[in-house]
Amino acid sequence: TRYAESRGLVIEQGYLDASGRVLAGKSITIRLTDHLYV
């Protein structure tokens, strides 16, 4: 989350603050489809 180009793997929007940190009390979902299938 320190780098904007890495945040494309996060599905939900609005779960990060202006610095890209994950907000307290939130769950983010990370897509793994670039690496795995089923």
Full PDB file with SEQRES, HELIX, SHEET, SSBOND, CRYST1, ORIGX, SCALE, CONECT and MASTER records, all heavy atoms in Angstrom:
SEQRES   1 A   38  THR ARG TYR ALA GLU SER ARG GLY LEU VAL ILE GLU GLN          
SEQRES   2 A   38  GLY TYR LEU ASP ALA SER GLY ARG VAL LEU ALA GLY LYS          
SEQRES   3 A   38  SER ILE THR ILE ARG LEU THR ASP HIS LEU TYR VAL              
HELIX    1 AA1 ALA A    4  LEU A    9  5                                   6    
CRYST1    1.000    1.000    1.000  90.00  90.00  90.00 P 1           1          
ORIGX1      1.000000  0.000000  0.000000        0.00000                         
ORIGX2      0.000000  1.000000  0.000000        0.00000                         
ORIGX3      0.000000  0.000000  1.000000        0.00000                         
SCALE1      1.000000  0.000000  0.000000        0.00000                         
SCALE2      0.000000  1.000000  0.000000        0.00000                         
SCALE3      0.000000  0.000000  1.000000        0.00000                         
ATOM      1  N   THR A   1       0.808  -1.225   0.000  1.00  0.00           N  
ATOM      2  CA  THR A   1       0.000   0.000   0.000  1.00  0.00           C  
ATOM      3  C   THR A   1       0.842   1.276   0.000  1.00  0.00           C  
ATOM      4  O   THR A   1       0.286   2.373  -0.126  1.00  0.00           O  
ATOM      5  CB  THR A   1      -0.936   0.017   1.223  1.00  0.00           C  
ATOM      6  OG1 THR A   1      -0.152  -0.024   2.423  1.00  0.00           O  
ATOM      7  CG2 THR A   1      -1.888  -1.163   1.186  1.00  0.00           C  
ATOM      8  N   ARG A   2       2.159   1.167   0.092  1.00  0.00           N  
ATOM      9  CA  ARG A   2       3.009   2.357   0.042  1.00  0.00           C  
ATOM     10  C   ARG A   2       3.116   2.909  -1.371  1.00  0.00           C  
ATOM     11  O   ARG A   2       3.495   4.075  -1.556  1.00  0.00           O  
ATOM     12  CB  ARG A   2       4.409   2.035   0.570  1.00  0.00           C  
ATOM     13  CG  ARG A   2       4.443   1.581   2.028  1.00  0.00           C  
ATOM     14  CD  ARG A   2       5.832   1.119   2.409  1.00  0.00           C  
ATOM     15  NE  ARG A   2       6.259  -0.016   1.595  1.00  0.00           N  
ATOM     16  CZ  ARG A   2       7.493  -0.536   1.636  1.00  0.00           C  
ATOM     17  NH1 ARG A   2       8.403  -0.018   2.443  1.00  0.00           N  
ATOM     18  NH2 ARG A   2       7.803  -1.571   0.869  1.00  0.00           N  
ATOM     19  N   TYR A   3       2.790   2.086  -2.380  1.00  0.00           N  
ATOM     20  CA  TYR A   3       2.957   2.492  -3.769  1.00  0.00           C  
ATOM     21  C   TYR A   3       1.637   2.335  -4.513  1.00  0.00           C  
ATOM     22  O   TYR A   3       0.992   1.286  -4.446  1.00  0.00           O  
ATOM     23  CB  TYR A   3       4.037   1.655  -4.452  1.00  0.00           C  
ATOM     24  CG  TYR A   3       5.354   1.686  -3.709  1.00  0.00           C  
ATOM     25  CD1 TYR A   3       5.741   0.609  -2.916  1.00  0.00           C  
ATOM     26  CD2 TYR A   3       6.191   2.790  -3.775  1.00  0.00           C  
ATOM     27  CE1 TYR A   3       6.944   0.630  -2.221  1.00  0.00           C  
ATOM     28  CE2 TYR A   3       7.396   2.835  -3.083  1.00  0.00           C  
ATOM     29  CZ  TYR A   3       7.762   1.746  -2.312  1.00  0.00           C  
ATOM     30  OH  TYR A   3       8.939   1.775  -1.619  1.00  0.00           O  
ATOM     31  N   ALA A   4       1.270   3.373  -5.235  1.00  0.00           N  
ATOM     32  CA  ALA A   4      -0.035   3.401  -5.892  1.00  0.00           C  
ATOM     33  C   ALA A   4      -0.184   2.273  -6.911  1.00  0.00           C  
ATOM     34  O   ALA A   4      -1.269   1.704  -7.074  1.00  0.00           O  
ATOM     35  CB  ALA A   4      -0.246   4.753  -6.572  1.00  0.00           C  
ATOM     36  N   GLU A   5       0.917   1.904  -7.623  1.00  0.00           N  
ATOM     37  CA  GLU A   5       0.795   0.885  -8.658  1.00  0.00           C  
ATOM     38  C   GLU A   5       0.455  -0.483  -8.090  1.00  0.00           C  
ATOM     39  O   GLU A   5      -0.018  -1.363  -8.794  1.00  0.00           O  
ATOM     40  CB  GLU A   5       2.084   0.802  -9.480  1.00  0.00           C  
ATOM     41  CG  GLU A   5       3.321   0.424  -8.689  1.00  0.00           C  
ATOM     42  CD  GLU A   5       4.059   1.623  -8.130  1.00  0.00           C  
ATOM     43  OE1 GLU A   5       3.441   2.703  -8.028  1.00  0.00           O  
ATOM     44  OE2 GLU A   5       5.249   1.478  -7.806  1.00  0.00           O  
ATOM     45  N   SER A   6       0.706  -0.686  -6.794  1.00  0.00           N  
ATOM     46  CA  SER A   6       0.402  -1.972  -6.183  1.00  0.00           C  
ATOM     47  C   SER A   6      -1.043  -2.051  -5.724  1.00  0.00           C  
ATOM     48  O   SER A   6      -1.555  -3.133  -5.495  1.00  0.00           O  
ATOM     49  CB  SER A   6       1.318  -2.219  -4.985  1.00  0.00           C  
ATOM     50  OG  SER A   6       1.003  -3.427  -4.343  1.00  0.00           O  
ATOM     51  N   ARG A   7      -1.720  -0.926  -5.602  1.00  0.00           N  
ATOM     52  CA  ARG A   7      -3.074  -0.926  -5.052  1.00  0.00           C  
ATOM     53  C   ARG A   7      -4.111  -1.401  -6.049  1.00  0.00           C  
ATOM     54  O   ARG A   7      -5.268  -1.551  -5.710  1.00  0.00           O  
ATOM     55  CB  ARG A   7      -3.422   0.476  -4.548  1.00  0.00           C  
ATOM     56  CG  ARG A   7      -2.501   0.961  -3.452  1.00  0.00           C  
ATOM     57  CD  ARG A   7      -2.742   2.410  -3.116  1.00  0.00           C  
ATOM     58  NE  ARG A   7      -1.555   2.972  -2.449  1.00  0.00           N  
ATOM     59  CZ  ARG A   7      -1.290   4.259  -2.367  1.00  0.00           C  
ATOM     60  NH1 ARG A   7      -2.122   5.142  -2.909  1.00  0.00           N  
ATOM     61  NH2 ARG A   7      -0.200   4.676  -1.765  1.00  0.00           N  
ATOM     62  N   GLY A   8      -3.692  -1.626  -7.293  1.00  0.00           N  
ATOM     63  CA  GLY A   8      -4.634  -2.132  -8.279  1.00  0.00           C  
ATOM     64  C   GLY A   8      -5.135  -3.527  -7.960  1.00  0.00           C  
ATOM     65  O   GLY A   8      -6.150  -3.952  -8.496  1.00  0.00           O  
ATOM     66  N   LEU A   9      -4.439  -4.239  -7.067  1.00  0.00           N  
ATOM     67  CA  LEU A   9      -4.874  -5.575  -6.684  1.00  0.00           C  
ATOM     68  C   LEU A   9      -5.976  -5.552  -5.641  1.00  0.00           C  
ATOM     69  O   LEU A   9      -6.573  -6.568  -5.334  1.00  0.00           O  
ATOM     70  CB  LEU A   9      -3.680  -6.386  -6.151  1.00  0.00           C  
ATOM     71  CG  LEU A   9      -2.569  -6.682  -7.151  1.00  0.00           C  
ATOM     72  CD1 LEU A   9      -1.418  -7.395  -6.465  1.00  0.00           C  
ATOM     73  CD2 LEU A   9      -3.088  -7.533  -8.295  1.00  0.00           C  
ATOM     74  N   VAL A  10      -6.245  -4.400  -5.083  1.00  0.00           N  
ATOM     75  CA  VAL A  10      -7.276  -4.282  -4.063  1.00  0.00           C  
ATOM     76  C   VAL A  10      -8.610  -4.023  -4.739  1.00  0.00           C  
ATOM     77  O   VAL A  10      -8.744  -3.111  -5.559  1.00  0.00           O  
ATOM     78  CB  VAL A  10      -6.949  -3.143  -3.073  1.00  0.00           C  
ATOM     79  CG1 VAL A  10      -8.045  -3.024  -2.019  1.00  0.00           C  
ATOM     80  CG2 VAL A  10      -5.601  -3.395  -2.420  1.00  0.00           C  
ATOM     81  N   ILE A  11      -9.607  -4.843  -4.435  1.00  0.00           N  
ATOM     82  CA  ILE A  11     -10.891  -4.745  -5.118  1.00  0.00           C  
ATOM     83  C   ILE A  11     -11.697  -3.547  -4.611  1.00  0.00           C  
ATOM     84  O   ILE A  11     -12.160  -2.721  -5.388  1.00  0.00           O  
ATOM     85  CB  ILE A  11     -11.688  -6.047  -4.937  1.00  0.00           C  
ATOM     86  CG1 ILE A  11     -10.953  -7.213  -5.619  1.00  0.00           C  
ATOM     87  CG2 ILE A  11     -13.096  -5.907  -5.495  1.00  0.00           C  
ATOM     88  CD1 ILE A  11     -11.599  -8.542  -5.397  1.00  0.00           C  
ATOM     89  N   GLU A  12     -11.882  -3.456  -3.310  1.00  0.00           N  
ATOM     90  CA  GLU A  12     -12.752  -2.422  -2.764  1.00  0.00           C  
ATOM     91  C   GLU A  12     -12.151  -1.030  -2.935  1.00  0.00           C  
ATOM     92  O   GLU A  12     -10.937  -0.839  -2.880  1.00  0.00           O  
ATOM     93  CB  GLU A  12     -13.016  -2.674  -1.275  1.00  0.00           C  
ATOM     94  CG  GLU A  12     -13.840  -3.909  -1.001  1.00  0.00           C  
ATOM     95  CD  GLU A  12     -12.985  -5.156  -0.879  1.00  0.00           C  
ATOM     96  OE1 GLU A  12     -11.767  -5.062  -1.095  1.00  0.00           O  
ATOM     97  OE2 GLU A  12     -13.550  -6.206  -0.577  1.00  0.00           O  
ATOM     98  N   GLN A  13     -12.999  -0.078  -3.143  1.00  0.00           N  
ATOM     99  CA  GLN A  13     -12.601   1.322  -3.181  1.00  0.00           C  
ATOM    100  C   GLN A  13     -13.068   2.002  -1.888  1.00  0.00           C  
ATOM    101  O   GLN A  13     -14.065   1.627  -1.290  1.00  0.00           O  
ATOM    102  CB  GLN A  13     -13.230   2.021  -4.392  1.00  0.00           C  
ATOM    103  CG  GLN A  13     -12.842   1.402  -5.723  1.00  0.00           C  
ATOM    104  CD  GLN A  13     -11.359   1.494  -6.003  1.00  0.00           C  
ATOM    105  OE1 GLN A  13     -10.735   2.529  -5.730  1.00  0.00           O  
ATOM    106  NE2 GLN A  13     -10.778   0.436  -6.538  1.00  0.00           N  
ATOM    107  N   GLY A  14     -12.319   3.021  -1.471  1.00  0.00           N  
ATOM    108  CA  GLY A  14     -12.714   3.761  -0.280  1.00  0.00           C  
ATOM    109  C   GLY A  14     -12.259   3.146   1.022  1.00  0.00           C  
ATOM    110  O   GLY A  14     -12.693   3.585   2.091  1.00  0.00           O  
ATOM    111  N   TYR A  15     -11.382   2.116   0.932  1.00  0.00           N  
ATOM    112  CA  TYR A  15     -10.883   1.486   2.147  1.00  0.00           C  
ATOM    113  C   TYR A  15      -9.471   1.921   2.482  1.00  0.00           C  
ATOM    114  O   TYR A  15      -8.882   1.435   3.444  1.00  0.00           O  
ATOM    115  CB  TYR A  15     -10.931  -0.030   2.005  1.00  0.00           C  
ATOM    116  CG  TYR A  15     -12.312  -0.624   2.171  1.00  0.00           C  
ATOM    117  CD1 TYR A  15     -13.463   0.129   1.923  1.00  0.00           C  
ATOM    118  CD2 TYR A  15     -12.486  -1.930   2.589  1.00  0.00           C  
ATOM    119  CE1 TYR A  15     -14.716  -0.415   2.059  1.00  0.00           C  
ATOM    120  CE2 TYR A  15     -13.736  -2.487   2.739  1.00  0.00           C  
ATOM    121  CZ  TYR A  15     -14.862  -1.715   2.471  1.00  0.00           C  
ATOM    122  OH  TYR A  15     -16.123  -2.260   2.629  1.00  0.00           O  
ATOM    123  N   LEU A  16      -8.922   2.862   1.696  1.00  0.00           N  
ATOM    124  CA  LEU A  16      -7.583   3.383   1.929  1.00  0.00           C  
ATOM    125  C   LEU A  16      -7.661   4.873   2.212  1.00  0.00           C  
ATOM    126  O   LEU A  16      -8.527   5.571   1.674  1.00  0.00           O  
ATOM    127  CB  LEU A  16      -6.692   3.137   0.705  1.00  0.00           C  
ATOM    128  CG  LEU A  16      -6.597   1.699   0.184  1.00  0.00           C  
ATOM    129  CD1 LEU A  16      -5.727   1.659  -1.061  1.00  0.00           C  
ATOM    130  CD2 LEU A  16      -6.060   0.766   1.252  1.00  0.00           C  
ATOM    131  N   ASP A  17      -6.722   5.369   3.044  1.00  0.00           N  
ATOM    132  CA  ASP A  17      -6.676   6.816   3.265  1.00  0.00           C  
ATOM    133  C   ASP A  17      -5.866   7.482   2.152  1.00  0.00           C  
ATOM    134  O   ASP A  17      -5.426   6.824   1.201  1.00  0.00           O  
ATOM    135  CB  ASP A  17      -6.123   7.143   4.657  1.00  0.00           C  
ATOM    136  CG  ASP A  17      -4.649   6.790   4.819  1.00  0.00           C  
ATOM    137  OD1 ASP A  17      -3.998   6.413   3.818  1.00  0.00           O  
ATOM    138  OD2 ASP A  17      -4.149   6.879   5.957  1.00  0.00           O  
ATOM    139  N   ALA A  18      -5.643   8.786   2.269  1.00  0.00           N  
ATOM    140  CA  ALA A  18      -4.960   9.526   1.211  1.00  0.00           C  
ATOM    141  C   ALA A  18      -3.526   9.047   1.006  1.00  0.00           C  
ATOM    142  O   ALA A  18      -2.968   9.206  -0.089  1.00  0.00           O  
ATOM    143  CB  ALA A  18      -4.974  11.018   1.535  1.00  0.00           C  
ATOM    144  N   SER A  19      -2.912   8.448   2.015  1.00  0.00           N  
ATOM    145  CA  SER A  19      -1.543   7.934   1.903  1.00  0.00           C  
ATOM    146  C   SER A  19      -1.504   6.487   1.429  1.00  0.00           C  
ATOM    147  O   SER A  19      -0.420   5.913   1.291  1.00  0.00           O  
ATOM    148  CB  SER A  19      -0.829   8.039   3.256  1.00  0.00           C  
ATOM    149  OG  SER A  19      -0.776   9.393   3.685  1.00  0.00           O  
ATOM    150  N   GLY A  20      -2.677   5.893   1.202  1.00  0.00           N  
ATOM    151  CA  GLY A  20      -2.733   4.508   0.745  1.00  0.00           C  
ATOM    152  C   GLY A  20      -2.795   3.501   1.867  1.00  0.00           C  
ATOM    153  O   GLY A  20      -2.831   2.294   1.603  1.00  0.00           O  
ATOM    154  N   ARG A  21      -2.817   3.971   3.124  1.00  0.00           N  
ATOM    155  CA  ARG A  21      -2.876   3.032   4.246  1.00  0.00           C  
ATOM    156  C   ARG A  21      -4.276   2.433   4.350  1.00  0.00           C  
ATOM    157  O   ARG A  21      -5.271   3.073   4.038  1.00  0.00           O  
ATOM    158  CB  ARG A  21      -2.509   3.745   5.546  1.00  0.00           C  
ATOM    159  CG  ARG A  21      -1.102   4.284   5.596  1.00  0.00           C  
ATOM    160  CD  ARG A  21      -0.813   4.978   6.917  1.00  0.00           C  
ATOM    161  NE  ARG A  21      -1.735   6.101   7.134  1.00  0.00           N  
ATOM    162  CZ  ARG A  21      -1.776   6.834   8.255  1.00  0.00           C  
ATOM    163  NH1 ARG A  21      -0.944   6.530   9.265  1.00  0.00           N  
ATOM    164  NH2 ARG A  21      -2.619   7.840   8.363  1.00  0.00           N  
ATOM    165  N   VAL A  22      -4.337   1.190   4.802  1.00  0.00           N  
ATOM    166  CA  VAL A  22      -5.618   0.543   5.033  1.00  0.00           C  
ATOM    167  C   VAL A  22      -6.246   1.163   6.279  1.00  0.00           C  
ATOM    168  O   VAL A  22      -5.618   1.252   7.336  1.00  0.00           O  
ATOM    169  CB  VAL A  22      -5.453  -0.972   5.214  1.00  0.00           C  
ATOM    170  CG1 VAL A  22      -6.813  -1.632   5.432  1.00  0.00           C  
ATOM    171  CG2 VAL A  22      -4.763  -1.576   3.995  1.00  0.00           C  
ATOM    172  N   LEU A  23      -7.492   1.595   6.151  1.00  0.00           N  
ATOM    173  CA  LEU A  23      -8.162   2.266   7.249  1.00  0.00           C  
ATOM    174  C   LEU A  23      -8.491   1.300   8.382  1.00  0.00           C  
ATOM    175  O   LEU A  23      -8.735   0.111   8.157  1.00  0.00           O  
ATOM    176  CB  LEU A  23      -9.451   2.919   6.750  1.00  0.00           C  
ATOM    177  CG  LEU A  23      -9.263   4.090   5.775  1.00  0.00           C  
ATOM    178  CD1 LEU A  23     -10.603   4.515   5.198  1.00  0.00           C  
ATOM    179  CD2 LEU A  23      -8.569   5.258   6.477  1.00  0.00           C  
ATOM    180  N   ALA A  24      -8.487   1.824   9.600  1.00  0.00           N  
ATOM    181  CA  ALA A  24      -8.789   1.019  10.785  1.00  0.00           C  
ATOM    182  C   ALA A  24     -10.176   0.407  10.672  1.00  0.00           C  
ATOM    183  O   ALA A  24     -11.133   1.053  10.240  1.00  0.00           O  
ATOM    184  CB  ALA A  24      -8.690   1.886  12.036  1.00  0.00           C  
ATOM    185  N   GLY A  25     -10.269  -0.881  11.026  1.00  0.00           N  
ATOM    186  CA  GLY A  25     -11.550  -1.565  11.038  1.00  0.00           C  
ATOM    187  C   GLY A  25     -12.043  -1.996   9.671  1.00  0.00           C  
ATOM    188  O   GLY A  25     -13.211  -2.373   9.535  1.00  0.00           O  
ATOM    189  N   LYS A  26     -11.179  -1.964   8.665  1.00  0.00           N  
ATOM    190  CA  LYS A  26     -11.573  -2.331   7.313  1.00  0.00           C  
ATOM    191  C   LYS A  26     -10.873  -3.610   6.855  1.00  0.00           C  
ATOM    192  O   LYS A  26      -9.744  -3.899   7.251  1.00  0.00           O  
ATOM    193  CB  LYS A  26     -11.246  -1.210   6.330  1.00  0.00           C  
ATOM    194  CG  LYS A  26     -11.959   0.108   6.618  1.00  0.00           C  
ATOM    195  CD  LYS A  26     -13.464  -0.021   6.368  1.00  0.00           C  
ATOM    196  CE  LYS A  26     -14.141   1.321   6.513  1.00  0.00           C  
ATOM    197  NZ  LYS A  26     -15.613   1.236   6.257  1.00  0.00           N  
ATOM    198  N   SER A  27     -11.560  -4.358   5.985  1.00  0.00           N  
ATOM    199  CA  SER A  27     -10.976  -5.511   5.310  1.00  0.00           C  
ATOM    200  C   SER A  27     -10.840  -5.192   3.828  1.00  0.00           C  
ATOM    201  O   SER A  27     -11.783  -4.678   3.217  1.00  0.00           O  
ATOM    202  CB  SER A  27     -11.853  -6.754   5.464  1.00  0.00           C  
ATOM    203  OG  SER A  27     -11.826  -7.244   6.784  1.00  0.00           O  
ATOM    204  N   ILE A  28      -9.689  -5.454   3.261  1.00  0.00           N  
ATOM    205  CA  ILE A  28      -9.493  -5.306   1.828  1.00  0.00           C  
ATOM    206  C   ILE A  28      -9.357  -6.697   1.212  1.00  0.00           C  
ATOM    207  O   ILE A  28      -8.908  -7.637   1.874  1.00  0.00           O  
ATOM    208  CB  ILE A  28      -8.253  -4.455   1.502  1.00  0.00           C  
ATOM    209  CG1 ILE A  28      -6.993  -5.070   2.120  1.00  0.00           C  
ATOM    210  CG2 ILE A  28      -8.438  -3.025   1.965  1.00  0.00           C  
ATOM    211  CD1 ILE A  28      -5.712  -4.394   1.684  1.00  0.00           C  
ATOM    212  N   THR A  29      -9.760  -6.815  -0.027  1.00  0.00           N  
ATOM    213  CA  THR A  29      -9.676  -8.090  -0.730  1.00  0.00           C  
ATOM    214  C   THR A  29      -8.625  -7.987  -1.821  1.00  0.00           C  
ATOM    215  O   THR A  29      -8.604  -7.027  -2.583  1.00  0.00           O  
ATOM    216  CB  THR A  29     -11.037  -8.464  -1.348  1.00  0.00           C  
ATOM    217  OG1 THR A  29     -12.015  -8.512  -0.314  1.00  0.00           O  
ATOM    218  CG2 THR A  29     -10.958  -9.814  -2.043  1.00  0.00           C  
ATOM    219  N   ILE A  30      -7.742  -8.984  -1.881  1.00  0.00           N  
ATOM    220  CA  ILE A  30      -6.628  -8.961  -2.820  1.00  0.00           C  
ATOM    221  C   ILE A  30      -6.857 -10.028  -3.883  1.00  0.00           C  
ATOM    222  O   ILE A  30      -6.991 -11.221  -3.569  1.00  0.00           O  
ATOM    223  CB  ILE A  30      -5.292  -9.220  -2.096  1.00  0.00           C  
ATOM    224  CG1 ILE A  30      -5.117  -8.218  -0.966  1.00  0.00           C  
ATOM    225  CG2 ILE A  30      -4.129  -9.147  -3.077  1.00  0.00           C  
ATOM    226  CD1 ILE A  30      -3.915  -8.520  -0.093  1.00  0.00           C  
ATOM    227  N   ARG A  31      -6.893  -9.622  -5.139  1.00  0.00           N  
ATOM    228  CA  ARG A  31      -7.017 -10.566  -6.247  1.00  0.00           C  
ATOM    229  C   ARG A  31      -5.690 -11.281  -6.457  1.00  0.00           C  
ATOM    230  O   ARG A  31      -4.629 -10.672  -6.488  1.00  0.00           O  
ATOM    231  CB  ARG A  31      -7.413  -9.828  -7.529  1.00  0.00           C  
ATOM    232  CG  ARG A  31      -8.813  -9.249  -7.508  1.00  0.00           C  
ATOM    233  CD  ARG A  31      -9.202  -8.785  -8.911  1.00  0.00           C  
ATOM    234  NE  ARG A  31      -8.361  -7.674  -9.347  1.00  0.00           N  
ATOM    235  CZ  ARG A  31      -8.725  -6.392  -9.264  1.00  0.00           C  
ATOM    236  NH1 ARG A  31      -9.894  -6.078  -8.751  1.00  0.00           N  
ATOM    237  NH2 ARG A  31      -7.916  -5.435  -9.695  1.00  0.00           N  
ATOM    238  N   LEU A  32      -5.766 -12.594  -6.667  1.00  0.00           N  
ATOM    239  CA  LEU A  32      -4.567 -13.401  -6.914  1.00  0.00           C  
ATOM    240  C   LEU A  32      -4.586 -14.012  -8.312  1.00  0.00           C  
ATOM    241  O   LEU A  32      -3.783 -14.899  -8.620  1.00  0.00           O  
ATOM    242  CB  LEU A  32      -4.461 -14.520  -5.866  1.00  0.00           C  
ATOM    243  CG  LEU A  32      -4.485 -14.071  -4.406  1.00  0.00           C  
ATOM    244  CD1 LEU A  32      -4.430 -15.278  -3.481  1.00  0.00           C  
ATOM    245  CD2 LEU A  32      -3.350 -13.114  -4.110  1.00  0.00           C  
ATOM    246  N   THR A  33      -5.468 -13.532  -9.173  1.00  0.00           N  
ATOM    247  CA  THR A  33      -5.672 -14.156 -10.474  1.00  0.00           C  
ATOM    248  C   THR A  33      -4.483 -13.977 -11.416  1.00  0.00           C  
ATOM    249  O   THR A  33      -4.425 -14.663 -12.444  1.00  0.00           O  
ATOM    250  CB  THR A  33      -6.942 -13.604 -11.137  1.00  0.00           C  
ATOM    251  OG1 THR A  33      -6.946 -12.166 -11.049  1.00  0.00           O  
ATOM    252  CG2 THR A  33      -8.171 -14.125 -10.427  1.00  0.00           C  
ATOM    253  N   ASP A  34      -3.567 -13.073 -11.124  1.00  0.00           N  
ATOM    254  CA  ASP A  34      -2.349 -12.984 -11.926  1.00  0.00           C  
ATOM    255  C   ASP A  34      -1.417 -14.166 -11.666  1.00  0.00           C  
ATOM    256  O   ASP A  34      -0.500 -14.424 -12.456  1.00  0.00           O  
ATOM    257  CB  ASP A  34      -1.593 -11.685 -11.622  1.00  0.00           C  
ATOM    258  CG  ASP A  34      -2.274 -10.474 -12.231  1.00  0.00           C  
ATOM    259  OD1 ASP A  34      -3.177 -10.653 -13.074  1.00  0.00           O  
ATOM    260  OD2 ASP A  34      -1.910  -9.337 -11.860  1.00  0.00           O  
ATOM    261  N   HIS A  35      -1.642 -14.873 -10.564  1.00  0.00           N  
ATOM    262  CA  HIS A  35      -0.718 -15.913 -10.136  1.00  0.00           C  
ATOM    263  C   HIS A  35      -1.374 -17.291 -10.026  1.00  0.00           C  
ATOM    264  O   HIS A  35      -0.695 -18.308 -10.186  1.00  0.00           O  
ATOM    265  CB  HIS A  35      -0.112 -15.545  -8.781  1.00  0.00           C  
ATOM    266  CG  HIS A  35       0.388 -14.140  -8.719  1.00  0.00           C  
ATOM    267  ND1 HIS A  35       1.579 -13.754  -9.272  1.00  0.00           N  
ATOM    268  CD2 HIS A  35      -0.173 -13.011  -8.188  1.00  0.00           C  
ATOM    269  CE1 HIS A  35       1.764 -12.454  -9.073  1.00  0.00           C  
ATOM    270  NE2 HIS A  35       0.714 -11.992  -8.422  1.00  0.00           N  
ATOM    271  N   LEU A  36      -2.686 -17.334  -9.752  1.00  0.00           N  
ATOM    272  CA  LEU A  36      -3.352 -18.594  -9.439  1.00  0.00           C  
ATOM    273  C   LEU A  36      -4.654 -18.706 -10.199  1.00  0.00           C  
ATOM    274  O   LEU A  36      -5.233 -17.701 -10.622  1.00  0.00           O  
ATOM    275  CB  LEU A  36      -3.651 -18.685  -7.936  1.00  0.00           C  
ATOM    276  CG  LEU A  36      -2.527 -18.345  -6.963  1.00  0.00           C  
ATOM    277  CD1 LEU A  36      -3.082 -18.255  -5.557  1.00  0.00           C  
ATOM    278  CD2 LEU A  36      -1.422 -19.386  -7.038  1.00  0.00           C  
ATOM    279  N   TYR A  37      -5.115 -19.953 -10.314  1.00  0.00           N  
ATOM    280  CA  TYR A  37      -6.436 -20.202 -10.878  1.00  0.00           C  
ATOM    281  C   TYR A  37      -7.045 -21.389 -10.151  1.00  0.00           C  
ATOM    282  O   TYR A  37      -6.517 -22.492 -10.190  1.00  0.00           O  
ATOM    283  CB  TYR A  37      -6.353 -20.485 -12.379  1.00  0.00           C  
ATOM    284  CG  TYR A  37      -7.686 -20.804 -13.004  1.00  0.00           C  
ATOM    285  CD1 TYR A  37      -8.661 -19.827 -13.158  1.00  0.00           C  
ATOM    286  CD2 TYR A  37      -7.983 -22.106 -13.426  1.00  0.00           C  
ATOM    287  CE1 TYR A  37      -9.885 -20.113 -13.724  1.00  0.00           C  
ATOM    288  CE2 TYR A  37      -9.209 -22.404 -13.989  1.00  0.00           C  
ATOM    289  CZ  TYR A  37     -10.154 -21.406 -14.139  1.00  0.00           C  
ATOM    290  OH  TYR A  37     -11.377 -21.695 -14.681  1.00  0.00           O  
ATOM    291  N   VAL A  38      -8.142 -21.146  -9.447  1.00  0.00           N  
ATOM    292  CA  VAL A  38      -8.852 -22.162  -8.674  1.00  0.00           C  
ATOM    293  C   VAL A  38      -7.893 -22.847  -7.697  1.00  0.00           C  
ATOM    294  O   VAL A  38      -7.778 -24.076  -7.643  1.00  0.00           O  
ATOM    295  CB  VAL A  38      -9.543 -23.199  -9.582  1.00  0.00           C  
ATOM    296  CG1 VAL A  38     -10.551 -24.026  -8.786  1.00  0.00           C  
ATOM    297  CG2 VAL A  38     -10.257 -22.528 -10.741  1.00  0.00           C  
TER     298      VAL A  38                                                      
MASTER        0    0    0    1    0    0    0    6  297    1    0    3          
END                                                                             
